[in-house]
Amino acid sequence: MGDSAEKQSRPSFFKGVKAEFKKIVWPDKQATLKQSIAVVAISVVVGVIIAILDFVIKSGVHFLTSI
């Protein structure tokens, strides 16, 4: 009984998906490049901060355990 309702709703679902995809505004090459550079730079900075914190914490734990 529910099969006919599902079959009728699927085409309308895909029509809705198609309509939504037409509304998407993709960034241009310049914006994509700038955003990619920002992501890489922030990732490197966060990685360096984590590495420094890791070294400081490791040194502190080693100091405390050697007492």
PDB file of N, CA and C in Angstrom:
ATOM      1  N   MET A   1       0.826  -1.193   0.000  1.00  0.00           N
ATOM      2  CA  MET A   1       0.000   0.000   0.000  1.00  0.00           C
ATOM      3  C   MET A   1       0.872   1.260   0.000  1.00  0.00           C
ATOM      4  N   GLY A   2       1.962   1.265   0.756  1.00  0.00           N
ATOM      5  CA  GLY A   2       2.810   2.443   0.824  1.00  0.00           C
ATOM      6  C   GLY A   2       3.745   2.567  -0.357  1.00  0.00           C
ATOM      7  N   ASP A   3       3.844   1.529  -1.195  1.00  0.00           N
ATOM      8  CA  ASP A   3       4.779   1.563  -2.309  1.00  0.00           C
ATOM      9  C   ASP A   3       4.423   2.637  -3.330  1.00  0.00           C
ATOM     10  N   SER A   4       3.145   2.798  -3.639  1.00  0.00           N
ATOM     11  CA  SER A   4       2.754   3.779  -4.649  1.00  0.00           C
ATOM     12  C   SER A   4       3.047   5.204  -4.167  1.00  0.00           C
ATOM     13  N   ALA A   5       2.880   5.445  -2.890  1.00  0.00           N
ATOM     14  CA  ALA A   5       3.173   6.776  -2.349  1.00  0.00           C
ATOM     15  C   ALA A   5       4.670   7.048  -2.401  1.00  0.00           C
ATOM     16  N   GLU A   6       5.493   6.019  -2.121  1.00  0.00           N
ATOM     17  CA  GLU A   6       6.935   6.200  -2.178  1.00  0.00           C
ATOM     18  C   GLU A   6       7.390   6.466  -3.602  1.00  0.00           C
ATOM     19  N   LYS A   7       6.849   5.751  -4.576  1.00  0.00           N
ATOM     20  CA  LYS A   7       7.248   5.927  -5.966  1.00  0.00           C
ATOM     21  C   LYS A   7       6.872   7.312  -6.477  1.00  0.00           C
ATOM     22  N   GLN A   8       5.772   7.850  -6.011  1.00  0.00           N
ATOM     23  CA  GLN A   8       5.371   9.179  -6.448  1.00  0.00           C
ATOM     24  C   GLN A   8       6.220  10.264  -5.783  1.00  0.00           C
ATOM     25  N   SER A   9       6.717  10.019  -4.567  1.00  0.00           N
ATOM     26  CA  SER A   9       7.473  11.044  -3.871  1.00  0.00           C
ATOM     27  C   SER A   9       8.930  11.085  -4.325  1.00  0.00           C
ATOM     28  N   ARG A  10       9.448   9.996  -4.858  1.00  0.00           N
ATOM     29  CA  ARG A  10      10.853   9.983  -5.285  1.00  0.00           C
ATOM     30  C   ARG A  10      11.126  10.961  -6.413  1.00  0.00           C
ATOM     31  N   PRO A  11      10.326  10.990  -7.486  1.00  0.00           N
ATOM     32  CA  PRO A  11      10.613  11.975  -8.540  1.00  0.00           C
ATOM     33  C   PRO A  11      10.547  13.412  -8.033  1.00  0.00           C
ATOM     34  N   SER A  12       9.603  13.695  -7.156  1.00  0.00           N
ATOM     35  CA  SER A  12       9.521  15.061  -6.642  1.00  0.00           C
ATOM     36  C   SER A  12      10.727  15.364  -5.744  1.00  0.00           C
ATOM     37  N   PHE A  13      11.234  14.371  -5.045  1.00  0.00           N
ATOM     38  CA  PHE A  13      12.432  14.565  -4.223  1.00  0.00           C
ATOM     39  C   PHE A  13      13.611  14.929  -5.107  1.00  0.00           C
ATOM     40  N   PHE A  14      13.810  14.174  -6.183  1.00  0.00           N
ATOM     41  CA  PHE A  14      14.946  14.439  -7.060  1.00  0.00           C
ATOM     42  C   PHE A  14      14.780  15.761  -7.814  1.00  0.00           C
ATOM     43  N   LYS A  15      13.543  16.145  -8.104  1.00  0.00           N
ATOM     44  CA  LYS A  15      13.315  17.450  -8.706  1.00  0.00           C
ATOM     45  C   LYS A  15      13.709  18.547  -7.724  1.00  0.00           C
ATOM     46  N   GLY A  16      13.398  18.340  -6.456  1.00  0.00           N
ATOM     47  CA  GLY A  16      13.780  19.305  -5.429  1.00  0.00           C
ATOM     48  C   GLY A  16      15.289  19.400  -5.273  1.00  0.00           C
ATOM     49  N   VAL A  17      15.957  18.252  -5.333  1.00  0.00           N
ATOM     50  CA  VAL A  17      17.418  18.242  -5.232  1.00  0.00           C
ATOM     51  C   VAL A  17      18.016  18.998  -6.417  1.00  0.00           C
ATOM     52  N   LYS A  18      17.495  18.748  -7.608  1.00  0.00           N
ATOM     53  CA  LYS A  18      17.982  19.423  -8.810  1.00  0.00           C
ATOM     54  C   LYS A  18      17.773  20.934  -8.702  1.00  0.00           C
ATOM     55  N   ALA A  19      16.627  21.333  -8.188  1.00  0.00           N
ATOM     56  CA  ALA A  19      16.341  22.761  -8.029  1.00  0.00           C
ATOM     57  C   ALA A  19      17.302  23.402  -7.028  1.00  0.00           C
ATOM     58  N   GLU A  20      17.610  22.699  -5.960  1.00  0.00           N
ATOM     59  CA  GLU A  20      18.539  23.234  -4.961  1.00  0.00           C
ATOM     60  C   GLU A  20      19.949  23.335  -5.514  1.00  0.00           C
ATOM     61  N   PHE A  21      20.355  22.352  -6.326  1.00  0.00           N
ATOM     62  CA  PHE A  21      21.690  22.401  -6.918  1.00  0.00           C
ATOM     63  C   PHE A  21      21.832  23.588  -7.865  1.00  0.00           C
ATOM     64  N   LYS A  22      20.764  23.996  -8.492  1.00  0.00           N
ATOM     65  CA  LYS A  22      20.820  25.152  -9.381  1.00  0.00           C
ATOM     66  C   LYS A  22      21.021  26.454  -8.599  1.00  0.00           C
ATOM     67  N   LYS A  23      20.684  26.462  -7.318  1.00  0.00           N
ATOM     68  CA  LYS A  23      20.829  27.660  -6.490  1.00  0.00           C
ATOM     69  C   LYS A  23      22.246  27.836  -5.951  1.00  0.00           C
ATOM     70  N   ILE A  24      23.078  26.794  -6.057  1.00  0.00           N
ATOM     71  CA  ILE A  24      24.422  26.850  -5.498  1.00  0.00           C
ATOM     72  C   ILE A  24      25.275  27.825  -6.298  1.00  0.00           C
ATOM     73  N   VAL A  25      25.981  28.686  -5.592  1.00  0.00           N
ATOM     74  CA  VAL A  25      26.923  29.606  -6.224  1.00  0.00           C
ATOM     75  C   VAL A  25      28.321  29.127  -5.840  1.00  0.00           C
ATOM     76  N   TRP A  26      29.037  28.574  -6.791  1.00  0.00           N
ATOM     77  CA  TRP A  26      30.369  28.039  -6.527  1.00  0.00           C
ATOM     78  C   TRP A  26      31.382  29.178  -6.525  1.00  0.00           C
ATOM     79  N   PRO A  27      32.377  29.123  -5.637  1.00  0.00           N
ATOM     80  CA  PRO A  27      33.388  30.188  -5.611  1.00  0.00           C
ATOM     81  C   PRO A  27      34.272  30.111  -6.860  1.00  0.00           C
ATOM     82  N   ASP A  28      34.825  31.256  -7.231  1.00  0.00           N
ATOM     83  CA  ASP A  28      35.711  31.268  -8.388  1.00  0.00           C
ATOM     84  C   ASP A  28      37.099  30.764  -7.994  1.00  0.00           C
ATOM     85  N   LYS A  29      37.963  30.670  -8.970  1.00  0.00           N
ATOM     86  CA  LYS A  29      39.302  30.099  -8.745  1.00  0.00           C
ATOM     87  C   LYS A  29      40.096  30.916  -7.728  1.00  0.00           C
ATOM     88  N   GLN A  30      39.990  32.238  -7.818  1.00  0.00           N
ATOM     89  CA  GLN A  30      40.731  33.123  -6.915  1.00  0.00           C
ATOM     90  C   GLN A  30      40.292  32.917  -5.455  1.00  0.00           C
ATOM     91  N   ALA A  31      39.001  32.854  -5.210  1.00  0.00           N
ATOM     92  CA  ALA A  31      38.494  32.675  -3.845  1.00  0.00           C
ATOM     93  C   ALA A  31      38.878  31.298  -3.311  1.00  0.00           C
ATOM     94  N   THR A  32      38.798  30.291  -4.168  1.00  0.00           N
ATOM     95  CA  THR A  32      39.179  28.941  -3.744  1.00  0.00           C
ATOM     96  C   THR A  32      40.650  28.887  -3.357  1.00  0.00           C
ATOM     97  N   LEU A  33      41.503  29.533  -4.147  1.00  0.00           N
ATOM     98  CA  LEU A  33      42.932  29.562  -3.854  1.00  0.00           C
ATOM     99  C   LEU A  33      43.205  30.264  -2.528  1.00  0.00           C
ATOM    100  N   LYS A  34      42.570  31.416  -2.308  1.00  0.00           N
ATOM    101  CA  LYS A  34      42.771  32.155  -1.057  1.00  0.00           C
ATOM    102  C   LYS A  34      42.316  31.340   0.152  1.00  0.00           C
ATOM    103  N   GLN A  35      41.159  30.698   0.038  1.00  0.00           N
ATOM    104  CA  GLN A  35      40.649  29.908   1.152  1.00  0.00           C
ATOM    105  C   GLN A  35      41.523  28.683   1.409  1.00  0.00           C
ATOM    106  N   SER A  36      42.044  28.072   0.361  1.00  0.00           N
ATOM    107  CA  SER A  36      42.925  26.917   0.530  1.00  0.00           C
ATOM    108  C   SER A  36      44.220  27.314   1.222  1.00  0.00           C
ATOM    109  N   ILE A  37      44.778  28.449   0.827  1.00  0.00           N
ATOM    110  CA  ILE A  37      46.001  28.944   1.472  1.00  0.00           C
ATOM    111  C   ILE A  37      45.729  29.245   2.943  1.00  0.00           C
ATOM    112  N   ALA A  38      44.587  29.835   3.241  1.00  0.00           N
ATOM    113  CA  ALA A  38      44.243  30.143   4.632  1.00  0.00           C
ATOM    114  C   ALA A  38      44.118  28.867   5.453  1.00  0.00           C
ATOM    115  N   VAL A  39      43.497  27.834   4.887  1.00  0.00           N
ATOM    116  CA  VAL A  39      43.337  26.568   5.614  1.00  0.00           C
ATOM    117  C   VAL A  39      44.697  25.929   5.889  1.00  0.00           C
ATOM    118  N   VAL A  40      45.576  25.922   4.888  1.00  0.00           N
ATOM    119  CA  VAL A  40      46.904  25.325   5.078  1.00  0.00           C
ATOM    120  C   VAL A  40      47.697  26.116   6.110  1.00  0.00           C
ATOM    121  N   ALA A  41      47.660  27.450   6.025  1.00  0.00           N
ATOM    122  CA  ALA A  41      48.413  28.280   6.972  1.00  0.00           C
ATOM    123  C   ALA A  41      47.916  28.096   8.402  1.00  0.00           C
ATOM    124  N   ILE A  42      46.619  28.092   8.586  1.00  0.00           N
ATOM    125  CA  ILE A  42      46.067  27.905   9.932  1.00  0.00           C
ATOM    126  C   ILE A  42      46.396  26.514  10.461  1.00  0.00           C
ATOM    127  N   SER A  43      46.367  25.513   9.585  1.00  0.00           N
ATOM    128  CA  SER A  43      46.705  24.150  10.004  1.00  0.00           C
ATOM    129  C   SER A  43      48.155  24.066  10.461  1.00  0.00           C
ATOM    130  N   VAL A  44      49.050  24.735   9.744  1.00  0.00           N
ATOM    131  CA  VAL A  44      50.465  24.724  10.133  1.00  0.00           C
ATOM    132  C   VAL A  44      50.648  25.435  11.471  1.00  0.00           C
ATOM    133  N   VAL A  45      50.010  26.580  11.643  1.00  0.00           N
ATOM    134  CA  VAL A  45      50.136  27.330  12.898  1.00  0.00           C
ATOM    135  C   VAL A  45      49.601  26.516  14.072  1.00  0.00           C
ATOM    136  N   VAL A  46      48.438  25.897  13.909  1.00  0.00           N
ATOM    137  CA  VAL A  46      47.866  25.081  14.982  1.00  0.00           C
ATOM    138  C   VAL A  46      48.765  23.877  15.261  1.00  0.00           C
ATOM    139  N   GLY A  47      49.339  23.286  14.220  1.00  0.00           N
ATOM    140  CA  GLY A  47      50.261  22.162  14.405  1.00  0.00           C
ATOM    141  C   GLY A  47      51.488  22.556  15.200  1.00  0.00           C
ATOM    142  N   VAL A  48      52.034  23.723  14.909  1.00  0.00           N
ATOM    143  CA  VAL A  48      53.201  24.208  15.648  1.00  0.00           C
ATOM    144  C   VAL A  48      52.836  24.475  17.110  1.00  0.00           C
ATOM    145  N   ILE A  49      51.686  25.085  17.341  1.00  0.00           N
ATOM    146  CA  ILE A  49      51.244  25.344  18.719  1.00  0.00           C
ATOM    147  C   ILE A  49      51.080  24.041  19.483  1.00  0.00           C
ATOM    148  N   ILE A  50      50.482  23.039  18.859  1.00  0.00           N
ATOM    149  CA  ILE A  50      50.301  21.739  19.522  1.00  0.00           C
ATOM    150  C   ILE A  50      51.648  21.089  19.798  1.00  0.00           C
ATOM    151  N   ALA A  51      52.579  21.198  18.857  1.00  0.00           N
ATOM    152  CA  ALA A  51      53.911  20.609  19.063  1.00  0.00           C
ATOM    153  C   ALA A  51      54.628  21.280  20.230  1.00  0.00           C
ATOM    154  N   ILE A  52      54.524  22.606  20.327  1.00  0.00           N
ATOM    155  CA  ILE A  52      55.166  23.328  21.438  1.00  0.00           C
ATOM    156  C   ILE A  52      54.531  22.932  22.767  1.00  0.00           C
ATOM    157  N   LEU A  53      53.197  22.888  22.810  1.00  0.00           N
ATOM    158  CA  LEU A  53      52.519  22.476  24.047  1.00  0.00           C
ATOM    159  C   LEU A  53      52.897  21.047  24.430  1.00  0.00           C
ATOM    160  N   ASP A  54      52.981  20.175  23.444  1.00  0.00           N
ATOM    161  CA  ASP A  54      53.362  18.791  23.708  1.00  0.00           C
ATOM    162  C   ASP A  54      54.760  18.712  24.310  1.00  0.00           C
ATOM    163  N   PHE A  55      55.691  19.481  23.751  1.00  0.00           N
ATOM    164  CA  PHE A  55      57.061  19.478  24.271  1.00  0.00           C
ATOM    165  C   PHE A  55      57.107  20.015  25.698  1.00  0.00           C
ATOM    166  N   VAL A  56      56.385  21.108  25.960  1.00  0.00           N
ATOM    167  CA  VAL A  56      56.382  21.712  27.297  1.00  0.00           C
ATOM    168  C   VAL A  56      55.762  20.750  28.307  1.00  0.00           C
ATOM    169  N   ILE A  57      54.645  20.145  27.956  1.00  0.00           N
ATOM    170  CA  ILE A  57      53.986  19.217  28.878  1.00  0.00           C
ATOM    171  C   ILE A  57      54.843  17.981  29.105  1.00  0.00           C
ATOM    172  N   LYS A  58      55.457  17.466  28.036  1.00  0.00           N
ATOM    173  CA  LYS A  58      56.321  16.292  28.172  1.00  0.00           C
ATOM    174  C   LYS A  58      57.515  16.606  29.071  1.00  0.00           C
ATOM    175  N   SER A  59      58.109  17.803  28.901  1.00  0.00           N
ATOM    176  CA  SER A  59      59.238  18.192  29.749  1.00  0.00           C
ATOM    177  C   SER A  59      58.810  18.358  31.198  1.00  0.00           C
ATOM    178  N   GLY A  60      57.618  18.932  31.411  1.00  0.00           N
ATOM    179  CA  GLY A  60      57.113  19.088  32.768  1.00  0.00           C
ATOM    180  C   GLY A  60      56.840  17.766  33.444  1.00  0.00           C
ATOM    181  N   VAL A  61      56.246  16.830  32.715  1.00  0.00           N
ATOM    182  CA  VAL A  61      55.982  15.498  33.288  1.00  0.00           C
ATOM    183  C   VAL A  61      57.299  14.781  33.575  1.00  0.00           C
ATOM    184  N   HIS A  62      58.242  14.902  32.661  1.00  0.00           N
ATOM    185  CA  HIS A  62      59.552  14.259  32.895  1.00  0.00           C
ATOM    186  C   HIS A  62      60.233  14.865  34.116  1.00  0.00           C
ATOM    187  N   PHE A  63      60.124  16.190  34.279  1.00  0.00           N
ATOM    188  CA  PHE A  63      60.718  16.847  35.440  1.00  0.00           C
ATOM    189  C   PHE A  63      60.058  16.368  36.732  1.00  0.00           C
ATOM    190  N   LEU A  64      58.733  16.272  36.719  1.00  0.00           N
ATOM    191  CA  LEU A  64      58.010  15.858  37.920  1.00  0.00           C
ATOM    192  C   LEU A  64      58.277  14.392  38.268  1.00  0.00           C
ATOM    193  N   THR A  65      58.419  13.543  37.281  1.00  0.00           N
ATOM    194  CA  THR A  65      58.656  12.128  37.565  1.00  0.00           C
ATOM    195  C   THR A  65      60.102  11.842  37.936  1.00  0.00           C
ATOM    196  N   SER A  66      61.024  12.773  37.645  1.00  0.00           N
ATOM    197  CA  SER A  66      62.439  12.536  37.969  1.00  0.00           C
ATOM    198  C   SER A  66      62.784  13.046  39.354  1.00  0.00           C
ATOM    199  N   ILE A  67      61.866  13.680  40.036  1.00  0.00           N
ATOM    200  CA  ILE A  67      62.149  14.221  41.377  1.00  0.00           C
ATOM    201  C   ILE A  67      62.306  13.105  42.376  1.00  0.00           C
TER     202      ILE A  67
END
